[in-house]
Amino acid sequence: MTVLIADDEIYMVEYIRALVEWEHYGFDQILTAAGGSLAWKLIQEHQPQLLVTDIRMPKISGLDLSRLIEEASYQTKIIIISGYSDFEYAKQALRYGVSEYLVKPVLKADFEETLKRILQKGLGLDKAEPDIVGNFGDKHNIVWQVKNYINENYDKELSLELLGQLVNLHPVYMSKIFKEVTDINLSSYITDVRMQKAAELLEQTNLQVQEVMKQIGYQKSQYFSKRFKEKFGVTPKEYRMYKRQKER
């Protein structure tokens, strides 16, 4: 999926771009525009699934972009960012199909919550090439749901059957979609998430290795150490020692 971030203030564009891990939410192309004119050109060329735009920009404002998108019948969802003084102005955008609006300053937690809401509703895809699976939404939305569940439940059992039930799909088909969209096997993704969490706990806490292992959902220390070394090139104990020495 494609997201376009538009603002005449370059620092704001970079801020929004770095605010979340876009790939985690299924966006593999991130476009930016320093102003509404360039934004409209990119919208016509790429028809992004999501536009994040400031409401006030010279020549073509965020409100203008919303109107143009609506008139062109594009499927682009829109997040409007506005200042407190623009609140009444922002409400005008609702008639142009704006999905959400955020008031400055934009905080990470608020932005992520807004993004999740839009994804849960389902992003519109190019009408010429629909990518729909059952009645649950597009494939990227399905992968986002699975990833989100894994990231919040990495310490629990994560079987294919359970994850398939989560998105109302046969486990094998769900796994196939995950591989198709991410180019990563689902089991490898689960292992990566758990290993990253283990590394964080080894760095940031004084938990024993056995306790770290249990907190990320493993029961056998040999298996855990093997997976950790495959990921980081060192054992959990060696990793902790290296990080502690580096901090001195």
C-alpha atoms as a PDB file:
ATOM      1  CA  MET A   1       0.000   0.000   0.000  1.00  0.00           C
ATOM      2  CA  THR A   2       1.044   3.614  -0.510  1.00  0.00           C
ATOM      3  CA  VAL A   3       0.852   6.560   1.893  1.00  0.00           C
ATOM      4  CA  LEU A   4       1.419  10.194   0.914  1.00  0.00           C
ATOM      5  CA  ILE A   5       2.469  12.736   3.561  1.00  0.00           C
ATOM      6  CA  ALA A   6       1.900  16.367   2.566  1.00  0.00           C
ATOM      7  CA  ASP A   7       2.837  19.547   4.417  1.00  0.00           C
ATOM      8  CA  ASP A   8       4.500  22.795   3.360  1.00  0.00           C
ATOM      9  CA  GLU A   9       6.679  22.535   6.481  1.00  0.00           C
ATOM     10  CA  ILE A  10       9.441  20.034   5.668  1.00  0.00           C
ATOM     11  CA  TYR A  11      10.145  19.261   9.322  1.00  0.00           C
ATOM     12  CA  MET A  12       6.505  18.210   9.764  1.00  0.00           C
ATOM     13  CA  VAL A  13       6.706  15.875   6.769  1.00  0.00           C
ATOM     14  CA  GLU A  14       9.794  14.204   8.235  1.00  0.00           C
ATOM     15  CA  TYR A  15       8.201  14.071  11.684  1.00  0.00           C
ATOM     16  CA  ILE A  16       5.120  12.213  10.415  1.00  0.00           C
ATOM     17  CA  ARG A  17       7.256   9.937   8.260  1.00  0.00           C
ATOM     18  CA  ALA A  18       9.330   8.883  11.282  1.00  0.00           C
ATOM     19  CA  LEU A  19       6.408   8.799  13.708  1.00  0.00           C
ATOM     20  CA  VAL A  20       5.420   5.169  13.031  1.00  0.00           C
ATOM     21  CA  GLU A  21       6.867   2.080  11.392  1.00  0.00           C
ATOM     22  CA  TRP A  22       4.795   2.300   8.237  1.00  0.00           C
ATOM     23  CA  GLU A  23       5.730  -1.179   7.034  1.00  0.00           C
ATOM     24  CA  HIS A  24       4.282  -2.589  10.240  1.00  0.00           C
ATOM     25  CA  TYR A  25       0.917  -1.238   9.110  1.00  0.00           C
ATOM     26  CA  GLY A  26       1.218  -2.618   5.596  1.00  0.00           C
ATOM     27  CA  PHE A  27       2.560   0.473   3.770  1.00  0.00           C
ATOM     28  CA  ASP A  28       5.484  -0.425   1.524  1.00  0.00           C
ATOM     29  CA  GLN A  29       5.663   2.904  -0.343  1.00  0.00           C
ATOM     30  CA  ILE A  30       5.969   6.244   1.470  1.00  0.00           C
ATOM     31  CA  LEU A  31       5.637   9.366  -0.668  1.00  0.00           C
ATOM     32  CA  THR A  32       6.187  12.927   0.575  1.00  0.00           C
ATOM     33  CA  ALA A  33       5.211  16.315  -0.774  1.00  0.00           C
ATOM     34  CA  ALA A  34       6.326  19.768   0.373  1.00  0.00           C
ATOM     35  CA  GLY A  35       3.037  21.444  -0.431  1.00  0.00           C
ATOM     36  CA  GLY A  36      -0.379  20.823  -1.944  1.00  0.00           C
ATOM     37  CA  SER A  37       0.525  21.276  -5.611  1.00  0.00           C
ATOM     38  CA  LEU A  38       3.100  18.482  -5.592  1.00  0.00           C
ATOM     39  CA  ALA A  39       0.777  16.396  -3.420  1.00  0.00           C
ATOM     40  CA  TRP A  40      -2.025  16.592  -5.984  1.00  0.00           C
ATOM     41  CA  LYS A  41       0.368  15.586  -8.770  1.00  0.00           C
ATOM     42  CA  LEU A  42       1.507  12.540  -6.769  1.00  0.00           C
ATOM     43  CA  ILE A  43      -2.086  11.620  -5.938  1.00  0.00           C
ATOM     44  CA  GLN A  44      -2.974  11.610  -9.636  1.00  0.00           C
ATOM     45  CA  GLU A  45       0.083   9.501 -10.472  1.00  0.00           C
ATOM     46  CA  HIS A  46      -0.096   6.970  -7.631  1.00  0.00           C
ATOM     47  CA  GLN A  47      -3.615   7.132  -6.161  1.00  0.00           C
ATOM     48  CA  PRO A  48      -2.320   6.307  -2.663  1.00  0.00           C
ATOM     49  CA  GLN A  49      -4.467   4.366  -0.230  1.00  0.00           C
ATOM     50  CA  LEU A  50      -3.815   7.006   2.458  1.00  0.00           C
ATOM     51  CA  LEU A  51      -3.120  10.751   2.484  1.00  0.00           C
ATOM     52  CA  VAL A  52      -1.861  12.493   5.633  1.00  0.00           C
ATOM     53  CA  THR A  53      -2.034  16.240   5.069  1.00  0.00           C
ATOM     54  CA  ASP A  54      -1.905  19.552   6.856  1.00  0.00           C
ATOM     55  CA  ILE A  55      -5.107  21.498   6.343  1.00  0.00           C
ATOM     56  CA  ARG A  56      -3.402  24.845   5.633  1.00  0.00           C
ATOM     57  CA  MET A  57      -0.976  24.963   2.703  1.00  0.00           C
ATOM     58  CA  PRO A  58      -0.369  27.640   0.019  1.00  0.00           C
ATOM     59  CA  LYS A  59      -2.106  27.352  -3.370  1.00  0.00           C
ATOM     60  CA  ILE A  60      -3.678  23.931  -2.750  1.00  0.00           C
ATOM     61  CA  SER A  61      -4.678  23.277   0.855  1.00  0.00           C
ATOM     62  CA  GLY A  62      -5.474  20.000   2.565  1.00  0.00           C
ATOM     63  CA  LEU A  63      -9.132  20.892   2.193  1.00  0.00           C
ATOM     64  CA  ASP A  64      -8.629  21.437  -1.542  1.00  0.00           C
ATOM     65  CA  LEU A  65      -6.920  18.043  -1.831  1.00  0.00           C
ATOM     66  CA  SER A  66      -9.861  16.423  -0.074  1.00  0.00           C
ATOM     67  CA  ARG A  67     -12.280  18.032  -2.518  1.00  0.00           C
ATOM     68  CA  LEU A  68     -10.193  17.065  -5.557  1.00  0.00           C
ATOM     69  CA  ILE A  69      -9.918  13.456  -4.368  1.00  0.00           C
ATOM     70  CA  GLU A  70     -13.671  13.302  -3.840  1.00  0.00           C
ATOM     71  CA  GLU A  71     -14.381  14.792  -7.274  1.00  0.00           C
ATOM     72  CA  ALA A  72     -11.988  12.341  -8.944  1.00  0.00           C
ATOM     73  CA  SER A  73     -13.655   9.414  -7.122  1.00  0.00           C
ATOM     74  CA  TYR A  74     -10.289   8.161  -5.852  1.00  0.00           C
ATOM     75  CA  GLN A  75     -10.366   5.602  -3.030  1.00  0.00           C
ATOM     76  CA  THR A  76      -7.770   7.503  -0.964  1.00  0.00           C
ATOM     77  CA  LYS A  77      -8.517   7.775   2.750  1.00  0.00           C
ATOM     78  CA  ILE A  78      -7.510  11.074   4.357  1.00  0.00           C
ATOM     79  CA  ILE A  79      -6.120  12.128   7.727  1.00  0.00           C
ATOM     80  CA  ILE A  80      -6.275  15.903   8.151  1.00  0.00           C
ATOM     81  CA  ILE A  81      -3.892  17.612  10.583  1.00  0.00           C
ATOM     82  CA  SER A  82      -4.927  21.016  11.855  1.00  0.00           C
ATOM     83  CA  GLY A  83      -4.232  23.576  14.559  1.00  0.00           C
ATOM     84  CA  TYR A  84      -6.769  24.369  17.266  1.00  0.00           C
ATOM     85  CA  SER A  85      -7.760  27.561  15.471  1.00  0.00           C
ATOM     86  CA  ASP A  86      -8.588  25.541  12.343  1.00  0.00           C
ATOM     87  CA  PHE A  87     -11.150  23.327  14.055  1.00  0.00           C
ATOM     88  CA  GLU A  88     -14.218  24.836  12.398  1.00  0.00           C
ATOM     89  CA  TYR A  89     -12.373  24.905   9.079  1.00  0.00           C
ATOM     90  CA  ALA A  90     -11.451  21.251   9.491  1.00  0.00           C
ATOM     91  CA  LYS A  91     -15.070  20.250   9.962  1.00  0.00           C
ATOM     92  CA  GLN A  92     -15.793  21.419   6.412  1.00  0.00           C
ATOM     93  CA  ALA A  93     -13.593  18.587   5.177  1.00  0.00           C
ATOM     94  CA  LEU A  94     -16.066  16.016   6.471  1.00  0.00           C
ATOM     95  CA  ARG A  95     -18.303  16.533   3.467  1.00  0.00           C
ATOM     96  CA  TYR A  96     -15.371  15.561   1.237  1.00  0.00           C
ATOM     97  CA  GLY A  97     -15.048  12.168   2.888  1.00  0.00           C
ATOM     98  CA  VAL A  98     -12.127  12.917   5.226  1.00  0.00           C
ATOM     99  CA  SER A  99     -11.667   9.826   7.413  1.00  0.00           C
ATOM    100  CA  GLU A 100      -9.993  11.359  10.461  1.00  0.00           C
ATOM    101  CA  TYR A 101      -8.512  14.598  11.718  1.00  0.00           C
ATOM    102  CA  LEU A 102      -5.843  15.260  14.325  1.00  0.00           C
ATOM    103  CA  VAL A 103      -5.088  18.441  16.208  1.00  0.00           C
ATOM    104  CA  LYS A 104      -1.494  19.618  16.601  1.00  0.00           C
ATOM    105  CA  PRO A 105       0.753  18.679  18.299  1.00  0.00           C
ATOM    106  CA  VAL A 106       0.442  15.206  16.806  1.00  0.00           C
ATOM    107  CA  LEU A 107       1.436  12.597  19.383  1.00  0.00           C
ATOM    108  CA  LYS A 108       2.621   9.104  18.445  1.00  0.00           C
ATOM    109  CA  ALA A 109      -0.070   7.302  20.472  1.00  0.00           C
ATOM    110  CA  ASP A 110      -2.893   9.393  18.969  1.00  0.00           C
ATOM    111  CA  PHE A 111      -1.576   8.952  15.444  1.00  0.00           C
ATOM    112  CA  GLU A 112      -1.232   5.182  15.819  1.00  0.00           C
ATOM    113  CA  GLU A 113      -4.759   4.936  17.214  1.00  0.00           C
ATOM    114  CA  THR A 114      -6.084   6.926  14.251  1.00  0.00           C
ATOM    115  CA  LEU A 115      -4.159   4.736  11.806  1.00  0.00           C
ATOM    116  CA  LYS A 116      -5.503   1.567  13.398  1.00  0.00           C
ATOM    117  CA  ARG A 117      -9.054   2.881  13.173  1.00  0.00           C
ATOM    118  CA  ILE A 118      -8.701   3.533   9.456  1.00  0.00           C
ATOM    119  CA  LEU A 119      -7.154   0.119   8.831  1.00  0.00           C
ATOM    120  CA  GLN A 120      -9.859  -1.637  10.801  1.00  0.00           C
ATOM    121  CA  LYS A 121     -12.473   0.036   8.622  1.00  0.00           C
ATOM    122  CA  GLY A 122     -10.527  -1.129   5.559  1.00  0.00           C
ATOM    123  CA  LEU A 123      -8.625   1.013   3.106  1.00  0.00           C
ATOM    124  CA  GLY A 124      -9.999   1.391  -0.396  1.00  0.00           C
ATOM    125  CA  LEU A 125      -7.912  -0.216  -3.124  1.00  0.00           C
ATOM    126  CA  ASP A 126      -7.599   0.614  -6.778  1.00  0.00           C
ATOM    127  CA  LYS A 127     -10.948  -0.217  -8.364  1.00  0.00           C
ATOM    128  CA  ALA A 128      -9.227  -1.808 -11.356  1.00  0.00           C
ATOM    129  CA  GLU A 129      -7.340  -4.305  -9.228  1.00  0.00           C
ATOM    130  CA  PRO A 130      -9.290  -5.192  -6.094  1.00  0.00           C
ATOM    131  CA  ASP A 131      -7.371  -7.291  -3.575  1.00  0.00           C
ATOM    132  CA  ILE A 132     -10.226  -8.529  -1.445  1.00  0.00           C
ATOM    133  CA  VAL A 133     -10.307 -11.648   0.702  1.00  0.00           C
ATOM    134  CA  GLY A 134     -13.719 -12.810   1.893  1.00  0.00           C
ATOM    135  CA  ASN A 135     -15.516 -10.170   3.905  1.00  0.00           C
ATOM    136  CA  PHE A 136     -12.592  -9.267   6.153  1.00  0.00           C
ATOM    137  CA  GLY A 137     -10.894  -6.652   3.975  1.00  0.00           C
ATOM    138  CA  ASP A 138      -7.818  -6.451   1.777  1.00  0.00           C
ATOM    139  CA  LYS A 139      -4.752  -8.634   2.188  1.00  0.00           C
ATOM    140  CA  HIS A 140      -2.635  -5.887   3.727  1.00  0.00           C
ATOM    141  CA  ASN A 141      -5.321  -5.301   6.339  1.00  0.00           C
ATOM    142  CA  ILE A 142      -5.331  -9.026   7.160  1.00  0.00           C
ATOM    143  CA  VAL A 143      -1.545  -9.043   7.557  1.00  0.00           C
ATOM    144  CA  TRP A 144      -1.745  -5.951   9.763  1.00  0.00           C
ATOM    145  CA  GLN A 145      -4.286  -7.696  12.011  1.00  0.00           C
ATOM    146  CA  VAL A 146      -2.058 -10.756  12.317  1.00  0.00           C
ATOM    147  CA  LYS A 147       1.092  -8.703  12.986  1.00  0.00           C
ATOM    148  CA  ASN A 148      -0.678  -6.580  15.561  1.00  0.00           C
ATOM    149  CA  TYR A 149      -1.894  -9.669  17.420  1.00  0.00           C
ATOM    150  CA  ILE A 150       1.573 -11.238  17.380  1.00  0.00           C
ATOM    151  CA  ASN A 151       3.211  -8.063  18.699  1.00  0.00           C
ATOM    152  CA  GLU A 152       0.732  -7.872  21.572  1.00  0.00           C
ATOM    153  CA  ASN A 153       0.710 -11.614  22.381  1.00  0.00           C
ATOM    154  CA  TYR A 154       4.253 -12.780  21.625  1.00  0.00           C
ATOM    155  CA  ASP A 155       4.442 -14.465  25.060  1.00  0.00           C
ATOM    156  CA  LYS A 156       1.438 -16.711  24.346  1.00  0.00           C
ATOM    157  CA  GLU A 157       0.766 -19.637  22.016  1.00  0.00           C
ATOM    158  CA  LEU A 158       0.728 -18.428  18.404  1.00  0.00           C
ATOM    159  CA  SER A 159      -0.470 -21.371  16.348  1.00  0.00           C
ATOM    160  CA  LEU A 160      -1.550 -21.135  12.716  1.00  0.00           C
ATOM    161  CA  GLU A 161      -5.012 -22.284  13.760  1.00  0.00           C
ATOM    162  CA  LEU A 162      -5.384 -19.474  16.287  1.00  0.00           C
ATOM    163  CA  LEU A 163      -4.145 -16.797  13.880  1.00  0.00           C
ATOM    164  CA  GLY A 164      -6.377 -18.156  11.130  1.00  0.00           C
ATOM    165  CA  GLN A 165      -9.406 -17.883  13.413  1.00  0.00           C
ATOM    166  CA  LEU A 166      -8.417 -14.302  14.189  1.00  0.00           C
ATOM    167  CA  VAL A 167      -9.021 -13.256  10.573  1.00  0.00           C
ATOM    168  CA  ASN A 168     -11.670 -15.868   9.710  1.00  0.00           C
ATOM    169  CA  LEU A 169      -9.456 -17.682   7.184  1.00  0.00           C
ATOM    170  CA  HIS A 170      -8.128 -21.212   6.809  1.00  0.00           C
ATOM    171  CA  PRO A 171      -4.699 -21.309   8.563  1.00  0.00           C
ATOM    172  CA  VAL A 172      -2.863 -22.432   5.416  1.00  0.00           C
ATOM    173  CA  TYR A 173      -4.469 -19.710   3.280  1.00  0.00           C
ATOM    174  CA  MET A 174      -3.794 -17.058   5.924  1.00  0.00           C
ATOM    175  CA  SER A 175      -0.134 -18.153   6.074  1.00  0.00           C
ATOM    176  CA  LYS A 176       0.077 -17.970   2.278  1.00  0.00           C
ATOM    177  CA  ILE A 177      -1.305 -14.392   2.293  1.00  0.00           C
ATOM    178  CA  PHE A 178       1.198 -13.384   4.972  1.00  0.00           C
ATOM    179  CA  LYS A 179       4.108 -14.705   2.880  1.00  0.00           C
ATOM    180  CA  GLU A 180       2.735 -13.088  -0.290  1.00  0.00           C
ATOM    181  CA  VAL A 181       2.428  -9.633   1.290  1.00  0.00           C
ATOM    182  CA  THR A 182       5.555  -9.571   3.497  1.00  0.00           C
ATOM    183  CA  ASP A 183       7.873 -12.010   1.688  1.00  0.00           C
ATOM    184  CA  ILE A 184       8.519 -13.513   5.152  1.00  0.00           C
ATOM    185  CA  ASN A 185       7.302 -16.832   6.511  1.00  0.00           C
ATOM    186  CA  LEU A 186       4.844 -16.361   9.354  1.00  0.00           C
ATOM    187  CA  SER A 187       6.876 -18.590  11.688  1.00  0.00           C
ATOM    188  CA  SER A 188      10.007 -16.513  10.947  1.00  0.00           C
ATOM    189  CA  TYR A 189       8.147 -13.306  11.732  1.00  0.00           C
ATOM    190  CA  ILE A 190       6.965 -14.690  15.083  1.00  0.00           C
ATOM    191  CA  THR A 191      10.517 -15.756  15.939  1.00  0.00           C
ATOM    192  CA  ASP A 192      11.898 -12.335  14.966  1.00  0.00           C
ATOM    193  CA  VAL A 193       9.384 -10.537  17.180  1.00  0.00           C
ATOM    194  CA  ARG A 194      10.187 -12.796  20.127  1.00  0.00           C
ATOM    195  CA  MET A 195      13.939 -12.433  19.659  1.00  0.00           C
ATOM    196  CA  GLN A 196      13.656  -8.635  19.500  1.00  0.00           C
ATOM    197  CA  LYS A 197      11.644  -8.672  22.732  1.00  0.00           C
ATOM    198  CA  ALA A 198      14.227 -10.954  24.330  1.00  0.00           C
ATOM    199  CA  ALA A 199      17.021  -8.580  23.336  1.00  0.00           C
ATOM    200  CA  GLU A 200      15.120  -5.654  24.874  1.00  0.00           C
ATOM    201  CA  LEU A 201      14.641  -7.519  28.147  1.00  0.00           C
ATOM    202  CA  LEU A 202      18.298  -8.551  28.257  1.00  0.00           C
ATOM    203  CA  GLU A 203      19.359  -4.945  27.723  1.00  0.00           C
ATOM    204  CA  GLN A 204      16.838  -3.134  29.884  1.00  0.00           C
ATOM    205  CA  THR A 205      16.251  -5.510  32.828  1.00  0.00           C
ATOM    206  CA  ASN A 206      18.200  -7.719  35.225  1.00  0.00           C
ATOM    207  CA  LEU A 207      15.982 -10.743  34.609  1.00  0.00           C
ATOM    208  CA  GLN A 208      17.761 -14.088  34.442  1.00  0.00           C
ATOM    209  CA  VAL A 209      18.020 -15.611  30.972  1.00  0.00           C
ATOM    210  CA  GLN A 210      15.548 -18.328  31.992  1.00  0.00           C
ATOM    211  CA  GLU A 211      13.012 -15.665  33.036  1.00  0.00           C
ATOM    212  CA  VAL A 212      13.505 -13.755  29.783  1.00  0.00           C
ATOM    213  CA  MET A 213      12.950 -16.979  27.876  1.00  0.00           C
ATOM    214  CA  LYS A 214       9.622 -17.630  29.625  1.00  0.00           C
ATOM    215  CA  GLN A 215       8.436 -14.051  29.193  1.00  0.00           C
ATOM    216  CA  ILE A 216       8.668 -14.332  25.415  1.00  0.00           C
ATOM    217  CA  GLY A 217       6.881 -17.686  25.217  1.00  0.00           C
ATOM    218  CA  TYR A 218       9.689 -20.283  25.198  1.00  0.00           C
ATOM    219  CA  GLN A 219      10.002 -23.224  27.593  1.00  0.00           C
ATOM    220  CA  LYS A 220      13.195 -24.977  26.457  1.00  0.00           C
ATOM    221  CA  SER A 221      16.431 -23.084  27.103  1.00  0.00           C
ATOM    222  CA  GLN A 222      18.460 -24.926  24.432  1.00  0.00           C
ATOM    223  CA  TYR A 223      15.933 -24.087  21.746  1.00  0.00           C
ATOM    224  CA  PHE A 224      15.723 -20.462  22.902  1.00  0.00           C
ATOM    225  CA  SER A 225      19.525 -20.042  22.917  1.00  0.00           C
ATOM    226  CA  LYS A 226      19.782 -21.608  19.465  1.00  0.00           C
ATOM    227  CA  ARG A 227      17.171 -19.251  17.992  1.00  0.00           C
ATOM    228  CA  PHE A 228      18.733 -16.230  19.705  1.00  0.00           C
ATOM    229  CA  LYS A 229      22.195 -17.049  18.371  1.00  0.00           C
ATOM    230  CA  GLU A 230      20.803 -17.519  14.863  1.00  0.00           C
ATOM    231  CA  LYS A 231      19.330 -14.022  15.081  1.00  0.00           C
ATOM    232  CA  PHE A 232      22.155 -12.094  16.803  1.00  0.00           C
ATOM    233  CA  GLY A 233      25.242 -14.278  16.337  1.00  0.00           C
ATOM    234  CA  VAL A 234      25.822 -14.645  20.086  1.00  0.00           C
ATOM    235  CA  THR A 235      24.150 -16.404  23.018  1.00  0.00           C
ATOM    236  CA  PRO A 236      21.753 -14.447  25.283  1.00  0.00           C
ATOM    237  CA  LYS A 237      24.405 -14.210  28.027  1.00  0.00           C
ATOM    238  CA  GLU A 238      27.059 -13.010  25.579  1.00  0.00           C
ATOM    239  CA  TYR A 239      24.630 -10.459  24.184  1.00  0.00           C
ATOM    240  CA  ARG A 240      23.951  -9.021  27.640  1.00  0.00           C
ATOM    241  CA  MET A 241      27.642  -8.887  28.508  1.00  0.00           C
ATOM    242  CA  TYR A 242      28.460  -7.122  25.240  1.00  0.00           C
ATOM    243  CA  LYS A 243      25.718  -4.510  25.734  1.00  0.00           C
ATOM    244  CA  ARG A 244      26.712  -3.862  29.361  1.00  0.00           C
ATOM    245  CA  GLN A 245      30.382  -3.425  28.460  1.00  0.00           C
ATOM    246  CA  LYS A 246      29.455  -1.073  25.646  1.00  0.00           C
ATOM    247  CA  GLU A 247      27.556   1.174  28.082  1.00  0.00           C
ATOM    248  CA  ARG A 248      30.593   1.625  30.360  1.00  0.00           C
END
